[in-house]
Amino acid sequence: MVEAAAAAFFLLPPNPIIPFAKTENFYVIYYGHLVGGRGEMTEQASRILAAGPELVIVPHSFPDGEPNLMLEVHQQFKGQGIKVLTYI
């Protein structure tokens, strides 16, 4: 019985190869800062842009009133076709 099961195992087709995930439907929810203290884009925001997600969800501002999504940063996301959803 064990020999028959072992023989059947070798007759099974090999495991299918699963391709890498496609970048479609790639979303980013980011809770951190997109803009630095001098109004420059942060490294994290640059990495998000480089990754090219379809949608980015970020806070519009922080509890201390500090803005997070400046017009210039928003324009860079839009320029690459990335939709931006903000919340308060």
C-alpha atoms as a PDB file:
ATOM      1  CA  MET A   1       0.000   0.000   0.000  1.00  0.00           C
ATOM      2  CA  VAL A   2       2.786   2.440   0.926  1.00  0.00           C
ATOM      3  CA  GLU A   3       4.693   1.527  -2.229  1.00  0.00           C
ATOM      4  CA  ALA A   4       1.619   2.270  -4.369  1.00  0.00           C
ATOM      5  CA  ALA A   5       1.201   5.688  -2.709  1.00  0.00           C
ATOM      6  CA  ALA A   6       4.880   6.486  -3.246  1.00  0.00           C
ATOM      7  CA  ALA A   7       4.634   5.464  -6.908  1.00  0.00           C
ATOM      8  CA  ALA A   8       1.490   7.585  -7.373  1.00  0.00           C
ATOM      9  CA  PHE A   9       3.291  10.588  -5.865  1.00  0.00           C
ATOM     10  CA  PHE A  10       5.900  10.498  -8.618  1.00  0.00           C
ATOM     11  CA  LEU A  11       3.206  10.313 -11.272  1.00  0.00           C
ATOM     12  CA  LEU A  12       1.572  13.563 -10.146  1.00  0.00           C
ATOM     13  CA  PRO A  13       2.267  16.638 -12.245  1.00  0.00           C
ATOM     14  CA  PRO A  14       4.797  19.069 -10.767  1.00  0.00           C
ATOM     15  CA  ASN A  15       3.590  22.005  -8.689  1.00  0.00           C
ATOM     16  CA  PRO A  16       2.469  24.883 -10.872  1.00  0.00           C
ATOM     17  CA  ILE A  17       4.708  27.919 -10.935  1.00  0.00           C
ATOM     18  CA  ILE A  18       2.960  30.905  -9.416  1.00  0.00           C
ATOM     19  CA  PRO A  19       3.984  34.159 -11.100  1.00  0.00           C
ATOM     20  CA  PHE A  20       4.894  37.232  -9.113  1.00  0.00           C
ATOM     21  CA  ALA A  21       2.046  39.516  -8.174  1.00  0.00           C
ATOM     22  CA  LYS A  22       1.213  42.056 -10.807  1.00  0.00           C
ATOM     23  CA  THR A  23       1.485  45.706  -9.861  1.00  0.00           C
ATOM     24  CA  GLU A  24      -2.095  46.366 -10.868  1.00  0.00           C
ATOM     25  CA  ASN A  25      -4.308  47.049  -7.888  1.00  0.00           C
ATOM     26  CA  PHE A  26      -1.269  48.079  -5.876  1.00  0.00           C
ATOM     27  CA  TYR A  27      -2.317  50.536  -3.148  1.00  0.00           C
ATOM     28  CA  VAL A  28      -0.350  52.322  -0.437  1.00  0.00           C
ATOM     29  CA  ILE A  29      -1.771  53.476   2.877  1.00  0.00           C
ATOM     30  CA  TYR A  30       0.855  55.742   4.385  1.00  0.00           C
ATOM     31  CA  TYR A  31       0.524  57.312   7.817  1.00  0.00           C
ATOM     32  CA  GLY A  32       3.789  59.255   7.786  1.00  0.00           C
ATOM     33  CA  HIS A  33       5.029  62.566   6.461  1.00  0.00           C
ATOM     34  CA  LEU A  34       5.180  63.277   2.745  1.00  0.00           C
ATOM     35  CA  VAL A  35       6.702  66.728   3.281  1.00  0.00           C
ATOM     36  CA  GLY A  36       9.761  67.560   5.365  1.00  0.00           C
ATOM     37  CA  GLY A  37      10.300  70.507   7.698  1.00  0.00           C
ATOM     38  CA  ARG A  38      11.464  72.798   4.870  1.00  0.00           C
ATOM     39  CA  GLY A  39       8.629  71.847   2.512  1.00  0.00           C
ATOM     40  CA  GLU A  40      10.677  69.283   0.578  1.00  0.00           C
ATOM     41  CA  MET A  41       9.372  65.855  -0.353  1.00  0.00           C
ATOM     42  CA  THR A  42      10.525  63.175   2.081  1.00  0.00           C
ATOM     43  CA  GLU A  43      12.482  60.089   1.058  1.00  0.00           C
ATOM     44  CA  GLN A  44       9.454  57.938   1.880  1.00  0.00           C
ATOM     45  CA  ALA A  45       7.282  59.963  -0.506  1.00  0.00           C
ATOM     46  CA  SER A  46       9.928  59.549  -3.214  1.00  0.00           C
ATOM     47  CA  ARG A  47       9.900  55.790  -2.670  1.00  0.00           C
ATOM     48  CA  ILE A  48       6.120  55.696  -2.982  1.00  0.00           C
ATOM     49  CA  LEU A  49       6.367  57.622  -6.268  1.00  0.00           C
ATOM     50  CA  ALA A  50       9.044  55.225  -7.542  1.00  0.00           C
ATOM     51  CA  ALA A  51       6.892  52.194  -6.665  1.00  0.00           C
ATOM     52  CA  GLY A  52       4.070  53.600  -8.812  1.00  0.00           C
ATOM     53  CA  PRO A  53       0.982  52.436  -6.947  1.00  0.00           C
ATOM     54  CA  GLU A  54      -2.458  52.974  -8.416  1.00  0.00           C
ATOM     55  CA  LEU A  55      -3.718  54.712  -5.273  1.00  0.00           C
ATOM     56  CA  VAL A  56      -2.135  56.349  -2.227  1.00  0.00           C
ATOM     57  CA  ILE A  57      -4.110  57.035   0.949  1.00  0.00           C
ATOM     58  CA  VAL A  58      -2.518  59.622   3.252  1.00  0.00           C
ATOM     59  CA  PRO A  59      -3.561  62.007   6.023  1.00  0.00           C
ATOM     60  CA  HIS A  60      -4.124  65.543   4.695  1.00  0.00           C
ATOM     61  CA  SER A  61      -2.662  67.043   7.858  1.00  0.00           C
ATOM     62  CA  PHE A  62      -1.554  65.987  11.315  1.00  0.00           C
ATOM     63  CA  PRO A  63      -3.157  66.702  14.716  1.00  0.00           C
ATOM     64  CA  ASP A  64      -0.761  69.596  15.283  1.00  0.00           C
ATOM     65  CA  GLY A  65      -2.084  71.256  12.115  1.00  0.00           C
ATOM     66  CA  GLU A  66       1.061  70.547  10.100  1.00  0.00           C
ATOM     67  CA  PRO A  67       0.066  69.967   6.450  1.00  0.00           C
ATOM     68  CA  ASN A  68       1.060  66.680   4.869  1.00  0.00           C
ATOM     69  CA  LEU A  69      -0.120  66.832   1.275  1.00  0.00           C
ATOM     70  CA  MET A  70       1.264  70.009  -0.248  1.00  0.00           C
ATOM     71  CA  LEU A  71       0.110  71.038  -3.725  1.00  0.00           C
ATOM     72  CA  GLU A  72       3.542  70.340  -5.250  1.00  0.00           C
ATOM     73  CA  VAL A  73       3.616  66.792  -3.872  1.00  0.00           C
ATOM     74  CA  HIS A  74       0.046  66.164  -4.974  1.00  0.00           C
ATOM     75  CA  GLN A  75       0.941  67.350  -8.486  1.00  0.00           C
ATOM     76  CA  GLN A  76       3.865  64.906  -8.631  1.00  0.00           C
ATOM     77  CA  PHE A  77       1.571  62.012  -7.734  1.00  0.00           C
ATOM     78  CA  LYS A  78      -1.002  63.146 -10.316  1.00  0.00           C
ATOM     79  CA  GLY A  79       1.748  63.567 -12.915  1.00  0.00           C
ATOM     80  CA  GLN A  80       2.568  59.875 -12.592  1.00  0.00           C
ATOM     81  CA  GLY A  81      -1.091  58.860 -12.775  1.00  0.00           C
ATOM     82  CA  ILE A  82      -1.327  58.001  -9.069  1.00  0.00           C
ATOM     83  CA  LYS A  83      -4.678  58.756  -7.450  1.00  0.00           C
ATOM     84  CA  VAL A  84      -4.495  60.304  -3.994  1.00  0.00           C
ATOM     85  CA  LEU A  85      -7.131  59.921  -1.301  1.00  0.00           C
ATOM     86  CA  THR A  86      -6.706  62.036   1.832  1.00  0.00           C
ATOM     87  CA  TYR A  87      -8.464  61.942   5.157  1.00  0.00           C
ATOM     88  CA  ILE A  88      -8.669  64.214   8.158  1.00  0.00           C
END
